[in-house]
Each structure stands twice: as C-alpha cells, then as structure tokens.
Amino acid sequence: MTQLDTHGARIIAFIERYWQTHQRSPSYEEIGAAAGLVSKDHVSRDLKKLKEQGYLSFTPGVSRSIVLLKNPRSRPRGGDGTIPLPVVGVLHSSEPEPVADKVPPLDWLTVTRELVDDQDDVVVLKVKGDSMIDALVNDGDLVLLKKKHDVQNGEMVAVWHKPTRQMSLKYYHRENGHVRLQPANPKLDSVNVKPNEVEIHGQVLAIVRKAS
C-alpha cells in the first residue's frame, strides 16, 4: 500500500470521522480546516493524489461527492480486497421491487472490503426521485444501507411507512412522542407520524453516484 504523507493521513481520518457523524462527505473547506491546508487548490491537489492511490473516489466539480474506499489502518481480507453486492431493489415511494424487473443493468455493485464489514448486513438499493437532492442523493444513485432498526436522531435511513405502504429515504427525528421524516428538498414538507407507524430498514453507509 502506498505510504501516506501527513496531510493525506489527516484527510483520510477526517473524512472517516465526518462520514460517521454526518453520513455524507465533508466540503473542501472543512477538509482544509481539519488538515491544516490553506487553500482549496491544496485540498484539491491532495484529494487527487489520494484518488490516484486508491484511497477514495469523487466526482470533479460535484460538492460532497467523496467516498472513502479504504483506510490505511485496515488489513486486507483476502482476494483482491473487493466484494460484490447485489442491487436488490429500487428505493422510492413504494415497496422495493426486484431489480430484474426494473433495473437489470445494475444487478451488482463491487465495493472494497474496508467499506463493508459484513456483506450479509448490507443491502444496496437504487434511488428513484429527488426527495434527498440537497443531501446530494440524486435520482439513479445507489445507496448502501446497513440493516438496522434502531438509529440515532438525524441519521439518513430507509424507512417503511406502514399505513401508506411506502418506502422512502429520509432523515429520521424522534421528538415529542412522534417521528418526523425530513426530506432534503425545500419543495417537500416533512411528515410527522406515530412511532408504531414506521419501520426502519437501514441506515445509509454510503452513496454511489450514478454514471454520468
């Protein structure tokens, strides 16, 4: 593995911490402040170097598109360091449907083992719609979800609304005896529901951008 310099190690560590807290990638300004870099050009240069070394990926010109691919502290776990994950459905305003019926070209997604600890505990869905567009989750993106039913306030989750039989991607807030499902789109309103009316299907681990 290529040896990281001081700035590179700081950037990787900061991106990892930021993802764990915010479930999205940091901005160039936030990375610069954390790594002690004085300009966006310096941040851009170091991110390009880390991309070439295989530590992360990002889409040039797209804000908060950084995805951490591997961590230098992690040990390889066999093979070429990657695992295939099936794209099992579509995440939109109805129950996820089999990929074979809707998006046959996207039947598998290959990710690094450092990104996924247990592939049996992760599900991949394709996003349909723009309810989370301000969180940089766009129509056609792929979402890696960690299967869990208990999450913290403010986390981005796939949630099933039982009365309407609708599955959606929203920020989850439990407050004052109810649950607020918050989209990231100023054109859409939040929805307040009873706790027993919703079921969390997974927490967002990462977003994989659709090919342009």
N, C-alpha and C. Protein backbone atom coordinates (compact mmCIF):
# COMPACT_ATOMS: atom_id res chain seq x y z
N MET A 1 0.84 -1.19 0.00
CA MET A 1 0.00 0.00 0.00
C MET A 1 0.87 1.25 0.00
N THR A 2 0.51 2.25 -0.79
CA THR A 2 1.28 3.48 -0.87
C THR A 2 1.30 4.19 0.47
N GLN A 3 2.49 4.65 0.88
CA GLN A 3 2.64 5.33 2.15
C GLN A 3 2.00 6.72 2.08
N LEU A 4 1.17 7.04 3.05
CA LEU A 4 0.52 8.34 3.10
C LEU A 4 1.43 9.38 3.72
N ASP A 5 1.38 10.62 3.20
CA ASP A 5 2.06 11.71 3.88
C ASP A 5 1.16 12.23 5.00
N THR A 6 1.65 13.22 5.73
CA THR A 6 0.91 13.72 6.90
C THR A 6 -0.45 14.26 6.51
N HIS A 7 -0.50 15.08 5.47
CA HIS A 7 -1.78 15.65 5.05
C HIS A 7 -2.74 14.57 4.59
N GLY A 8 -2.22 13.61 3.83
CA GLY A 8 -3.08 12.53 3.35
C GLY A 8 -3.70 11.74 4.48
N ALA A 9 -2.90 11.41 5.49
CA ALA A 9 -3.40 10.66 6.65
C ALA A 9 -4.45 11.46 7.40
N ARG A 10 -4.21 12.78 7.55
CA ARG A 10 -5.18 13.62 8.24
C ARG A 10 -6.50 13.70 7.47
N ILE A 11 -6.39 13.80 6.15
CA ILE A 11 -7.60 13.89 5.33
C ILE A 11 -8.41 12.60 5.42
N ILE A 12 -7.76 11.45 5.30
CA ILE A 12 -8.46 10.17 5.40
C ILE A 12 -9.16 10.03 6.75
N ALA A 13 -8.44 10.35 7.83
CA ALA A 13 -9.01 10.23 9.17
C ALA A 13 -10.20 11.17 9.35
N PHE A 14 -10.09 12.39 8.81
CA PHE A 14 -11.18 13.35 8.96
C PHE A 14 -12.40 12.93 8.16
N ILE A 15 -12.21 12.46 6.93
CA ILE A 15 -13.34 12.02 6.11
C ILE A 15 -14.07 10.86 6.79
N GLU A 16 -13.31 9.94 7.38
CA GLU A 16 -13.93 8.81 8.07
C GLU A 16 -14.77 9.28 9.25
N ARG A 17 -14.21 10.19 10.07
CA ARG A 17 -14.95 10.71 11.23
C ARG A 17 -16.19 11.49 10.77
N TYR A 18 -16.05 12.27 9.71
CA TYR A 18 -17.15 13.09 9.22
C TYR A 18 -18.30 12.22 8.72
N TRP A 19 -17.96 11.14 7.97
CA TRP A 19 -18.99 10.21 7.49
C TRP A 19 -19.74 9.58 8.66
N GLN A 20 -19.01 9.18 9.72
CA GLN A 20 -19.64 8.53 10.86
C GLN A 20 -20.62 9.46 11.57
N THR A 21 -20.31 10.77 11.56
CA THR A 21 -21.15 11.75 12.25
C THR A 21 -22.29 12.26 11.39
N HIS A 22 -22.01 12.55 10.11
CA HIS A 22 -22.97 13.25 9.26
C HIS A 22 -23.56 12.39 8.14
N GLN A 23 -23.02 11.19 7.91
CA GLN A 23 -23.46 10.31 6.83
C GLN A 23 -23.38 10.99 5.45
N ARG A 24 -22.38 11.80 5.28
CA ARG A 24 -22.08 12.42 3.99
C ARG A 24 -20.62 12.87 4.02
N SER A 25 -20.11 13.24 2.87
CA SER A 25 -18.71 13.65 2.83
C SER A 25 -18.56 15.13 3.18
N PRO A 26 -17.39 15.53 3.67
CA PRO A 26 -17.17 16.94 4.02
C PRO A 26 -16.92 17.79 2.78
N SER A 27 -17.01 19.10 2.96
CA SER A 27 -16.69 20.03 1.89
C SER A 27 -15.18 20.23 1.82
N TYR A 28 -14.70 20.82 0.73
CA TYR A 28 -13.28 21.11 0.60
C TYR A 28 -12.81 22.06 1.71
N GLU A 29 -13.66 23.04 2.06
CA GLU A 29 -13.31 23.99 3.12
C GLU A 29 -13.14 23.28 4.46
N GLU A 30 -14.05 22.34 4.75
CA GLU A 30 -13.97 21.60 6.01
C GLU A 30 -12.72 20.71 6.05
N ILE A 31 -12.40 20.11 4.92
CA ILE A 31 -11.19 19.28 4.85
C ILE A 31 -9.95 20.13 5.05
N GLY A 32 -9.91 21.30 4.39
CA GLY A 32 -8.76 22.19 4.54
C GLY A 32 -8.54 22.62 5.97
N ALA A 33 -9.64 22.98 6.67
CA ALA A 33 -9.53 23.41 8.06
C ALA A 33 -9.04 22.27 8.95
N ALA A 34 -9.51 21.05 8.69
CA ALA A 34 -9.13 19.91 9.53
C ALA A 34 -7.69 19.47 9.27
N ALA A 35 -7.25 19.58 8.01
CA ALA A 35 -5.91 19.09 7.65
C ALA A 35 -4.84 20.17 7.67
N GLY A 36 -5.24 21.41 7.96
CA GLY A 36 -4.25 22.49 8.00
C GLY A 36 -3.81 22.94 6.64
N LEU A 37 -4.69 22.86 5.64
CA LEU A 37 -4.36 23.30 4.28
C LEU A 37 -4.98 24.68 4.06
N VAL A 38 -4.21 25.58 3.46
CA VAL A 38 -4.60 26.98 3.43
C VAL A 38 -5.50 27.34 2.26
N SER A 39 -5.63 26.49 1.26
CA SER A 39 -6.45 26.84 0.10
C SER A 39 -7.15 25.61 -0.46
N LYS A 40 -8.23 25.87 -1.23
CA LYS A 40 -8.96 24.78 -1.89
C LYS A 40 -8.09 24.09 -2.93
N ASP A 41 -7.15 24.85 -3.54
CA ASP A 41 -6.25 24.24 -4.51
C ASP A 41 -5.38 23.17 -3.87
N HIS A 42 -4.92 23.45 -2.63
CA HIS A 42 -4.11 22.45 -1.91
C HIS A 42 -4.96 21.22 -1.58
N VAL A 43 -6.20 21.46 -1.15
CA VAL A 43 -7.10 20.35 -0.86
C VAL A 43 -7.35 19.53 -2.12
N SER A 44 -7.64 20.21 -3.22
CA SER A 44 -7.89 19.53 -4.48
C SER A 44 -6.69 18.69 -4.92
N ARG A 45 -5.50 19.24 -4.75
CA ARG A 45 -4.28 18.52 -5.13
C ARG A 45 -4.13 17.25 -4.31
N ASP A 46 -4.34 17.34 -2.99
CA ASP A 46 -4.16 16.17 -2.12
C ASP A 46 -5.26 15.13 -2.35
N LEU A 47 -6.50 15.59 -2.62
CA LEU A 47 -7.58 14.64 -2.90
C LEU A 47 -7.31 13.90 -4.21
N LYS A 48 -6.80 14.60 -5.20
CA LYS A 48 -6.46 13.95 -6.47
C LYS A 48 -5.40 12.88 -6.24
N LYS A 49 -4.41 13.18 -5.41
CA LYS A 49 -3.35 12.22 -5.10
C LYS A 49 -3.91 10.99 -4.39
N LEU A 50 -4.81 11.21 -3.43
CA LEU A 50 -5.42 10.11 -2.70
C LEU A 50 -6.31 9.26 -3.62
N LYS A 51 -6.95 9.91 -4.58
CA LYS A 51 -7.76 9.18 -5.55
C LYS A 51 -6.87 8.28 -6.41
N GLU A 52 -5.73 8.82 -6.85
CA GLU A 52 -4.80 8.05 -7.66
C GLU A 52 -4.22 6.86 -6.89
N GLN A 53 -4.09 7.02 -5.56
CA GLN A 53 -3.58 5.95 -4.71
C GLN A 53 -4.66 4.94 -4.34
N GLY A 54 -5.91 5.23 -4.69
CA GLY A 54 -6.99 4.28 -4.44
C GLY A 54 -7.66 4.39 -3.09
N TYR A 55 -7.37 5.49 -2.34
CA TYR A 55 -7.96 5.62 -1.01
C TYR A 55 -9.40 6.15 -1.06
N LEU A 56 -9.73 6.91 -2.09
CA LEU A 56 -11.06 7.49 -2.17
C LEU A 56 -11.43 7.75 -3.62
N SER A 57 -12.70 8.08 -3.83
CA SER A 57 -13.16 8.48 -5.15
C SER A 57 -14.02 9.73 -5.00
N PHE A 58 -14.13 10.50 -6.05
CA PHE A 58 -15.00 11.67 -6.05
C PHE A 58 -15.27 12.08 -7.48
N THR A 59 -16.33 12.88 -7.65
CA THR A 59 -16.68 13.39 -8.97
C THR A 59 -16.21 14.83 -9.07
N PRO A 60 -15.28 15.16 -9.95
CA PRO A 60 -14.79 16.54 -10.08
C PRO A 60 -15.93 17.52 -10.34
N GLY A 61 -15.92 18.62 -9.60
CA GLY A 61 -16.94 19.65 -9.78
C GLY A 61 -18.22 19.41 -9.03
N VAL A 62 -18.35 18.26 -8.36
CA VAL A 62 -19.56 17.93 -7.60
C VAL A 62 -19.26 18.02 -6.11
N SER A 63 -19.96 18.89 -5.41
CA SER A 63 -19.72 19.09 -3.98
C SER A 63 -20.10 17.85 -3.18
N ARG A 64 -19.30 17.56 -2.18
CA ARG A 64 -19.56 16.46 -1.22
C ARG A 64 -19.77 15.11 -1.91
N SER A 65 -18.97 14.83 -2.92
CA SER A 65 -19.10 13.56 -3.64
C SER A 65 -18.01 12.56 -3.25
N ILE A 66 -17.25 12.84 -2.20
CA ILE A 66 -16.12 11.99 -1.81
C ILE A 66 -16.63 10.71 -1.14
N VAL A 67 -16.12 9.59 -1.59
CA VAL A 67 -16.42 8.30 -0.98
C VAL A 67 -15.11 7.65 -0.56
N LEU A 68 -14.98 7.30 0.71
CA LEU A 68 -13.78 6.64 1.22
C LEU A 68 -13.79 5.18 0.81
N LEU A 69 -12.75 4.74 0.10
CA LEU A 69 -12.70 3.38 -0.42
C LEU A 69 -11.91 2.43 0.47
N LYS A 70 -10.88 2.93 1.14
CA LYS A 70 -10.10 2.08 2.03
C LYS A 70 -9.42 2.94 3.07
N ASN A 71 -9.07 2.31 4.16
CA ASN A 71 -8.41 3.01 5.26
C ASN A 71 -7.05 2.35 5.48
N PRO A 72 -5.98 3.14 5.57
CA PRO A 72 -4.66 2.55 5.72
C PRO A 72 -4.47 1.73 6.98
N ARG A 73 -5.37 1.88 7.95
CA ARG A 73 -5.25 1.09 9.19
C ARG A 73 -5.87 -0.30 9.04
N SER A 74 -6.67 -0.49 8.00
CA SER A 74 -7.36 -1.76 7.83
C SER A 74 -6.47 -2.78 7.15
N ARG A 75 -6.65 -4.02 7.48
CA ARG A 75 -5.91 -5.10 6.85
C ARG A 75 -6.72 -5.71 5.72
N PRO A 76 -6.09 -6.03 4.61
CA PRO A 76 -6.80 -6.72 3.53
C PRO A 76 -7.35 -8.05 4.03
N ARG A 77 -8.51 -8.43 3.49
CA ARG A 77 -9.15 -9.67 3.95
C ARG A 77 -9.38 -10.61 2.79
N GLY A 78 -8.32 -10.91 2.07
CA GLY A 78 -8.40 -11.94 1.04
C GLY A 78 -8.81 -11.41 -0.31
N GLY A 79 -8.55 -12.22 -1.33
CA GLY A 79 -8.94 -11.87 -2.69
C GLY A 79 -8.27 -10.59 -3.14
N ASP A 80 -8.96 -9.82 -3.94
CA ASP A 80 -8.41 -8.56 -4.42
C ASP A 80 -8.86 -7.39 -3.57
N GLY A 81 -9.42 -7.68 -2.39
CA GLY A 81 -9.85 -6.61 -1.50
C GLY A 81 -11.22 -6.05 -1.82
N THR A 82 -11.97 -6.71 -2.70
CA THR A 82 -13.30 -6.23 -3.04
C THR A 82 -14.33 -7.34 -2.84
N ILE A 83 -15.59 -6.91 -2.71
CA ILE A 83 -16.69 -7.87 -2.62
C ILE A 83 -17.83 -7.37 -3.50
N PRO A 84 -18.56 -8.28 -4.15
CA PRO A 84 -19.73 -7.88 -4.94
C PRO A 84 -20.98 -7.86 -4.08
N LEU A 85 -21.79 -6.82 -4.24
CA LEU A 85 -23.06 -6.73 -3.53
C LEU A 85 -24.19 -6.63 -4.54
N PRO A 86 -25.24 -7.40 -4.37
CA PRO A 86 -26.37 -7.31 -5.31
C PRO A 86 -27.21 -6.06 -5.05
N VAL A 87 -27.65 -5.41 -6.11
CA VAL A 87 -28.61 -4.31 -6.00
C VAL A 87 -29.99 -4.95 -5.98
N VAL A 88 -30.63 -4.95 -4.80
CA VAL A 88 -31.81 -5.80 -4.60
C VAL A 88 -33.13 -5.10 -4.85
N GLY A 89 -33.12 -3.80 -5.10
CA GLY A 89 -34.39 -3.15 -5.33
C GLY A 89 -34.25 -1.68 -5.61
N VAL A 90 -35.42 -1.03 -5.74
CA VAL A 90 -35.49 0.40 -6.03
C VAL A 90 -36.11 1.10 -4.83
N LEU A 91 -35.45 2.16 -4.37
CA LEU A 91 -35.92 2.91 -3.20
C LEU A 91 -36.68 4.12 -3.69
N HIS A 92 -38.01 4.07 -3.56
CA HIS A 92 -38.84 5.19 -4.00
C HIS A 92 -40.12 5.18 -3.19
N SER A 93 -41.22 5.67 -3.72
CA SER A 93 -42.44 5.82 -2.94
C SER A 93 -43.32 4.58 -2.97
N SER A 94 -42.71 3.43 -3.04
CA SER A 94 -43.44 2.18 -2.90
C SER A 94 -42.47 1.11 -2.44
N GLU A 95 -42.96 -0.07 -2.19
CA GLU A 95 -42.11 -1.14 -1.69
C GLU A 95 -41.03 -1.48 -2.72
N PRO A 96 -39.77 -1.68 -2.28
CA PRO A 96 -38.70 -2.03 -3.23
C PRO A 96 -39.09 -3.24 -4.07
N GLU A 97 -38.80 -3.15 -5.35
CA GLU A 97 -39.16 -4.20 -6.28
C GLU A 97 -37.91 -4.90 -6.78
N PRO A 98 -38.01 -6.15 -7.24
CA PRO A 98 -36.83 -6.87 -7.72
C PRO A 98 -36.11 -6.11 -8.83
N VAL A 99 -34.80 -6.08 -8.76
CA VAL A 99 -34.01 -5.38 -9.76
C VAL A 99 -34.25 -5.96 -11.14
N ALA A 100 -34.47 -7.27 -11.23
CA ALA A 100 -34.65 -7.92 -12.52
C ALA A 100 -35.83 -7.33 -13.29
N ASP A 101 -36.81 -6.78 -12.56
CA ASP A 101 -37.98 -6.22 -13.22
C ASP A 101 -37.82 -4.76 -13.59
N LYS A 102 -36.87 -4.08 -12.94
CA LYS A 102 -36.81 -2.63 -13.10
C LYS A 102 -35.48 -2.12 -13.64
N VAL A 103 -34.36 -2.57 -13.07
CA VAL A 103 -33.06 -2.04 -13.48
C VAL A 103 -32.06 -3.16 -13.68
N PRO A 104 -32.28 -4.03 -14.69
CA PRO A 104 -31.42 -5.19 -14.87
C PRO A 104 -29.95 -4.89 -15.07
N PRO A 105 -29.54 -3.73 -15.68
CA PRO A 105 -28.09 -3.50 -15.83
C PRO A 105 -27.36 -3.31 -14.51
N LEU A 106 -28.07 -2.93 -13.44
CA LEU A 106 -27.42 -2.65 -12.16
C LEU A 106 -27.69 -3.78 -11.17
N ASP A 107 -27.23 -4.97 -11.52
CA ASP A 107 -27.53 -6.11 -10.67
C ASP A 107 -26.45 -6.36 -9.62
N TRP A 108 -25.25 -5.77 -9.82
CA TRP A 108 -24.17 -5.97 -8.85
C TRP A 108 -23.38 -4.68 -8.70
N LEU A 109 -22.89 -4.45 -7.49
CA LEU A 109 -22.01 -3.32 -7.20
C LEU A 109 -20.79 -3.86 -6.48
N THR A 110 -19.60 -3.56 -6.99
CA THR A 110 -18.37 -4.02 -6.35
C THR A 110 -17.81 -2.91 -5.47
N VAL A 111 -17.57 -3.23 -4.20
CA VAL A 111 -17.03 -2.26 -3.25
C VAL A 111 -15.82 -2.87 -2.55
N THR A 112 -15.03 -2.03 -1.91
CA THR A 112 -13.89 -2.53 -1.16
C THR A 112 -14.35 -3.10 0.17
N ARG A 113 -13.60 -4.05 0.68
CA ARG A 113 -13.95 -4.68 1.95
C ARG A 113 -13.83 -3.71 3.12
N GLU A 114 -12.98 -2.68 2.98
CA GLU A 114 -12.85 -1.70 4.05
C GLU A 114 -14.12 -0.87 4.23
N LEU A 115 -14.92 -0.77 3.16
CA LEU A 115 -16.16 -0.01 3.24
C LEU A 115 -17.28 -0.82 3.89
N VAL A 116 -17.23 -2.15 3.74
CA VAL A 116 -18.29 -3.01 4.25
C VAL A 116 -17.69 -4.08 5.16
N ASP A 117 -18.03 -4.04 6.44
CA ASP A 117 -17.51 -5.02 7.39
C ASP A 117 -18.12 -6.40 7.18
N ASP A 118 -19.44 -6.42 6.97
CA ASP A 118 -20.16 -7.69 6.83
C ASP A 118 -21.16 -7.55 5.69
N GLN A 119 -20.88 -8.23 4.57
CA GLN A 119 -21.74 -8.07 3.41
C GLN A 119 -23.14 -8.61 3.63
N ASP A 120 -23.33 -9.51 4.57
CA ASP A 120 -24.66 -10.02 4.88
C ASP A 120 -25.50 -9.00 5.64
N ASP A 121 -24.83 -7.95 6.14
CA ASP A 121 -25.51 -6.93 6.93
C ASP A 121 -25.75 -5.66 6.12
N VAL A 122 -25.49 -5.73 4.80
CA VAL A 122 -25.60 -4.55 3.93
C VAL A 122 -26.51 -4.86 2.76
N VAL A 123 -27.33 -3.88 2.38
CA VAL A 123 -28.20 -4.01 1.23
C VAL A 123 -27.98 -2.80 0.32
N VAL A 124 -28.08 -3.00 -0.99
CA VAL A 124 -27.90 -1.91 -1.95
C VAL A 124 -29.21 -1.68 -2.69
N LEU A 125 -29.65 -0.42 -2.73
CA LEU A 125 -30.87 -0.05 -3.43
C LEU A 125 -30.58 1.10 -4.38
N LYS A 126 -31.35 1.17 -5.45
CA LYS A 126 -31.24 2.28 -6.39
C LYS A 126 -32.27 3.34 -6.03
N VAL A 127 -31.83 4.61 -6.02
CA VAL A 127 -32.70 5.72 -5.64
C VAL A 127 -33.53 6.17 -6.84
N LYS A 128 -34.81 6.39 -6.59
CA LYS A 128 -35.70 6.96 -7.60
C LYS A 128 -36.39 8.16 -6.98
N GLY A 129 -36.20 9.34 -7.59
CA GLY A 129 -36.82 10.55 -7.06
C GLY A 129 -35.79 11.54 -6.56
N ASP A 130 -36.28 12.69 -6.06
CA ASP A 130 -35.38 13.77 -5.65
C ASP A 130 -35.66 14.30 -4.25
N SER A 131 -36.21 13.46 -3.38
CA SER A 131 -36.56 13.93 -2.05
C SER A 131 -35.34 14.26 -1.19
N MET A 132 -34.15 13.75 -1.55
CA MET A 132 -32.93 14.00 -0.76
C MET A 132 -31.88 14.72 -1.60
N ILE A 133 -32.31 15.51 -2.57
CA ILE A 133 -31.39 16.12 -3.52
C ILE A 133 -30.42 17.08 -2.84
N ASP A 134 -30.85 17.78 -1.79
CA ASP A 134 -29.96 18.71 -1.09
C ASP A 134 -28.93 17.99 -0.24
N ALA A 135 -29.11 16.70 -0.03
CA ALA A 135 -28.09 15.87 0.63
C ALA A 135 -27.21 15.19 -0.42
N LEU A 136 -27.33 15.66 -1.67
CA LEU A 136 -26.55 15.14 -2.79
C LEU A 136 -26.86 13.67 -3.07
N VAL A 137 -28.10 13.29 -2.83
CA VAL A 137 -28.58 11.96 -3.22
C VAL A 137 -29.53 12.18 -4.39
N ASN A 138 -29.12 11.77 -5.57
CA ASN A 138 -29.85 12.07 -6.78
C ASN A 138 -30.55 10.84 -7.36
N ASP A 139 -31.52 11.09 -8.20
CA ASP A 139 -32.22 10.01 -8.89
C ASP A 139 -31.21 9.17 -9.67
N GLY A 140 -31.24 7.86 -9.45
CA GLY A 140 -30.33 6.96 -10.13
C GLY A 140 -29.11 6.57 -9.33
N ASP A 141 -28.84 7.27 -8.21
CA ASP A 141 -27.71 6.89 -7.36
C ASP A 141 -27.98 5.56 -6.68
N LEU A 142 -26.92 4.91 -6.22
CA LEU A 142 -27.05 3.69 -5.43
C LEU A 142 -26.76 4.00 -3.97
N VAL A 143 -27.54 3.41 -3.08
CA VAL A 143 -27.39 3.65 -1.65
C VAL A 143 -27.02 2.34 -0.96
N LEU A 144 -25.92 2.37 -0.20
CA LEU A 144 -25.54 1.23 0.64
C LEU A 144 -26.16 1.42 2.01
N LEU A 145 -26.97 0.47 2.42
CA LEU A 145 -27.67 0.55 3.69
C LEU A 145 -27.19 -0.55 4.64
N LYS A 146 -26.93 -0.16 5.87
CA LYS A 146 -26.63 -1.13 6.91
C LYS A 146 -27.95 -1.53 7.55
N LYS A 147 -28.26 -2.81 7.54
CA LYS A 147 -29.52 -3.29 8.09
C LYS A 147 -29.56 -3.06 9.60
N LYS A 148 -30.46 -2.22 10.03
CA LYS A 148 -30.63 -1.98 11.47
C LYS A 148 -31.98 -1.33 11.68
N HIS A 149 -32.50 -1.48 12.89
CA HIS A 149 -33.83 -0.97 13.20
C HIS A 149 -33.81 0.11 14.28
N ASP A 150 -32.64 0.39 14.82
CA ASP A 150 -32.52 1.38 15.89
C ASP A 150 -31.43 2.37 15.49
N VAL A 151 -31.80 3.61 15.24
CA VAL A 151 -30.83 4.60 14.78
C VAL A 151 -30.91 5.85 15.66
N GLN A 152 -29.93 6.74 15.48
CA GLN A 152 -29.89 7.99 16.23
C GLN A 152 -30.65 9.08 15.47
N ASN A 153 -31.12 10.08 16.20
CA ASN A 153 -31.79 11.21 15.57
C ASN A 153 -30.87 11.89 14.56
N GLY A 154 -31.44 12.25 13.44
CA GLY A 154 -30.69 12.96 12.42
C GLY A 154 -30.03 12.08 11.39
N GLU A 155 -30.08 10.76 11.56
CA GLU A 155 -29.44 9.86 10.60
C GLU A 155 -30.33 9.68 9.37
N MET A 156 -29.68 9.45 8.23
CA MET A 156 -30.41 9.20 7.00
C MET A 156 -30.72 7.71 6.91
N VAL A 157 -32.00 7.39 6.75
CA VAL A 157 -32.42 6.00 6.81
C VAL A 157 -33.41 5.69 5.70
N ALA A 158 -33.53 4.40 5.40
CA ALA A 158 -34.63 3.90 4.58
C ALA A 158 -35.74 3.50 5.54
N VAL A 159 -36.90 4.11 5.40
CA VAL A 159 -37.97 3.91 6.38
C VAL A 159 -39.25 3.50 5.66
N TRP A 160 -39.93 2.53 6.24
CA TRP A 160 -41.19 1.99 5.70
C TRP A 160 -42.35 2.58 6.48
N HIS A 161 -43.27 3.28 5.77
CA HIS A 161 -44.45 3.87 6.40
C HIS A 161 -45.61 2.89 6.23
N LYS A 162 -46.01 2.26 7.32
CA LYS A 162 -46.96 1.16 7.26
C LYS A 162 -48.33 1.54 6.71
N PRO A 163 -48.95 2.67 7.17
CA PRO A 163 -50.31 2.98 6.68
C PRO A 163 -50.38 3.18 5.17
N THR A 164 -49.36 3.80 4.56
CA THR A 164 -49.39 4.06 3.12
C THR A 164 -48.61 3.03 2.32
N ARG A 165 -47.93 2.12 3.04
CA ARG A 165 -47.09 1.10 2.40
C ARG A 165 -46.09 1.75 1.45
N GLN A 166 -45.39 2.76 1.97
CA GLN A 166 -44.40 3.48 1.19
C GLN A 166 -43.02 3.37 1.85
N MET A 167 -42.00 3.11 1.03
CA MET A 167 -40.62 3.11 1.47
C MET A 167 -39.94 4.36 0.95
N SER A 168 -39.22 5.06 1.81
CA SER A 168 -38.56 6.27 1.37
C SER A 168 -37.24 6.47 2.09
N LEU A 169 -36.43 7.37 1.55
CA LEU A 169 -35.15 7.74 2.15
C LEU A 169 -35.32 9.10 2.79
N LYS A 170 -35.13 9.18 4.11
CA LYS A 170 -35.37 10.42 4.83
C LYS A 170 -34.41 10.55 6.01
N TYR A 171 -34.29 11.78 6.53
CA TYR A 171 -33.65 11.98 7.83
C TYR A 171 -34.67 11.63 8.91
N TYR A 172 -34.22 10.90 9.93
CA TYR A 172 -35.12 10.39 10.96
C TYR A 172 -34.96 11.21 12.24
N HIS A 173 -36.07 11.75 12.75
CA HIS A 173 -36.05 12.51 14.01
C HIS A 173 -37.20 12.03 14.88
N ARG A 174 -36.86 11.58 16.07
CA ARG A 174 -37.91 11.21 17.03
C ARG A 174 -38.00 12.31 18.08
N GLU A 175 -39.20 12.94 18.20
CA GLU A 175 -39.33 14.10 19.06
C GLU A 175 -40.78 14.27 19.51
N ASN A 176 -40.94 14.63 20.77
CA ASN A 176 -42.26 14.93 21.34
C ASN A 176 -43.29 13.84 21.09
N GLY A 177 -42.86 12.60 21.19
CA GLY A 177 -43.79 11.49 21.08
C GLY A 177 -44.15 11.09 19.66
N HIS A 178 -43.52 11.71 18.65
CA HIS A 178 -43.79 11.32 17.27
C HIS A 178 -42.48 11.23 16.50
N VAL A 179 -42.57 10.79 15.28
CA VAL A 179 -41.41 10.69 14.40
C VAL A 179 -41.56 11.68 13.26
N ARG A 180 -40.53 12.48 13.04
CA ARG A 180 -40.52 13.40 11.90
C ARG A 180 -39.61 12.84 10.82
N LEU A 181 -40.17 12.62 9.64
CA LEU A 181 -39.41 12.16 8.49
C LEU A 181 -39.11 13.39 7.62
N GLN A 182 -37.84 13.77 7.57
CA GLN A 182 -37.44 15.02 6.96
C GLN A 182 -36.74 14.81 5.62
N PRO A 183 -37.33 15.29 4.52
CA PRO A 183 -36.63 15.22 3.24
C PRO A 183 -35.55 16.29 3.17
N ALA A 184 -34.68 16.18 2.17
CA ALA A 184 -33.66 17.19 1.93
C ALA A 184 -33.96 17.84 0.59
N ASN A 185 -35.13 18.43 0.54
CA ASN A 185 -35.60 19.11 -0.67
C ASN A 185 -36.55 20.22 -0.22
N PRO A 186 -36.21 21.50 -0.46
CA PRO A 186 -37.04 22.60 0.04
C PRO A 186 -38.46 22.61 -0.53
N LYS A 187 -38.69 21.88 -1.60
CA LYS A 187 -40.02 21.82 -2.20
C LYS A 187 -40.93 20.81 -1.51
N LEU A 188 -40.35 19.99 -0.63
CA LEU A 188 -41.11 18.94 0.03
C LEU A 188 -41.20 19.21 1.53
N ASP A 189 -42.34 18.89 2.11
CA ASP A 189 -42.56 19.08 3.54
C ASP A 189 -42.17 17.83 4.32
N SER A 190 -41.82 18.03 5.58
CA SER A 190 -41.58 16.90 6.46
C SER A 190 -42.92 16.23 6.80
N VAL A 191 -42.83 14.98 7.26
CA VAL A 191 -44.03 14.22 7.61
C VAL A 191 -43.91 13.77 9.05
N ASN A 192 -44.94 14.04 9.85
CA ASN A 192 -44.97 13.60 11.24
C ASN A 192 -45.87 12.37 11.36
N VAL A 193 -45.32 11.31 11.96
CA VAL A 193 -46.06 10.06 12.08
C VAL A 193 -45.90 9.50 13.48
N LYS A 194 -46.73 8.53 13.82
CA LYS A 194 -46.59 7.85 15.10
C LYS A 194 -45.44 6.86 15.04
N PRO A 195 -44.71 6.65 16.14
CA PRO A 195 -43.57 5.72 16.13
C PRO A 195 -43.94 4.32 15.66
N ASN A 196 -45.16 3.86 16.01
CA ASN A 196 -45.54 2.50 15.61
C ASN A 196 -46.01 2.41 14.16
N GLU A 197 -46.00 3.53 13.44
CA GLU A 197 -46.42 3.53 12.04
C GLU A 197 -45.25 3.40 11.07
N VAL A 198 -44.03 3.43 11.62
CA VAL A 198 -42.85 3.37 10.76
C VAL A 198 -41.93 2.23 11.18
N GLU A 199 -41.18 1.75 10.23
CA GLU A 199 -40.21 0.69 10.47
C GLU A 199 -38.92 1.03 9.73
N ILE A 200 -37.83 1.14 10.47
CA ILE A 200 -36.55 1.47 9.86
C ILE A 200 -35.96 0.22 9.23
N HIS A 201 -35.56 0.32 7.98
CA HIS A 201 -34.99 -0.83 7.27
C HIS A 201 -33.48 -0.75 7.15
N GLY A 202 -32.91 0.43 7.35
CA GLY A 202 -31.46 0.52 7.27
C GLY A 202 -30.96 1.94 7.36
N GLN A 203 -29.70 2.08 7.80
CA GLN A 203 -29.02 3.36 7.88
C GLN A 203 -28.07 3.50 6.70
N VAL A 204 -27.99 4.69 6.13
CA VAL A 204 -27.14 4.93 4.96
C VAL A 204 -25.67 4.88 5.35
N LEU A 205 -24.93 3.99 4.69
CA LEU A 205 -23.48 3.89 4.86
C LEU A 205 -22.74 4.74 3.84
N ALA A 206 -23.19 4.73 2.60
CA ALA A 206 -22.51 5.44 1.53
C ALA A 206 -23.43 5.62 0.35
N ILE A 207 -23.10 6.62 -0.46
CA ILE A 207 -23.83 6.89 -1.70
C ILE A 207 -22.88 6.66 -2.86
N VAL A 208 -23.31 5.91 -3.84
CA VAL A 208 -22.51 5.71 -5.05
C VAL A 208 -23.20 6.44 -6.18
N ARG A 209 -22.50 7.42 -6.75
CA ARG A 209 -23.11 8.27 -7.78
C ARG A 209 -23.36 7.48 -9.06
N LYS A 210 -24.48 7.83 -9.70
CA LYS A 210 -24.77 7.20 -10.98
C LYS A 210 -23.76 7.68 -12.02
N ALA A 211 -23.50 6.84 -12.98
CA ALA A 211 -22.56 7.21 -14.05
C ALA A 211 -23.14 8.32 -14.88
N SER A 212 -22.31 9.34 -15.19
CA SER A 212 -22.79 10.48 -15.98
C SER A 212 -22.79 10.14 -17.47
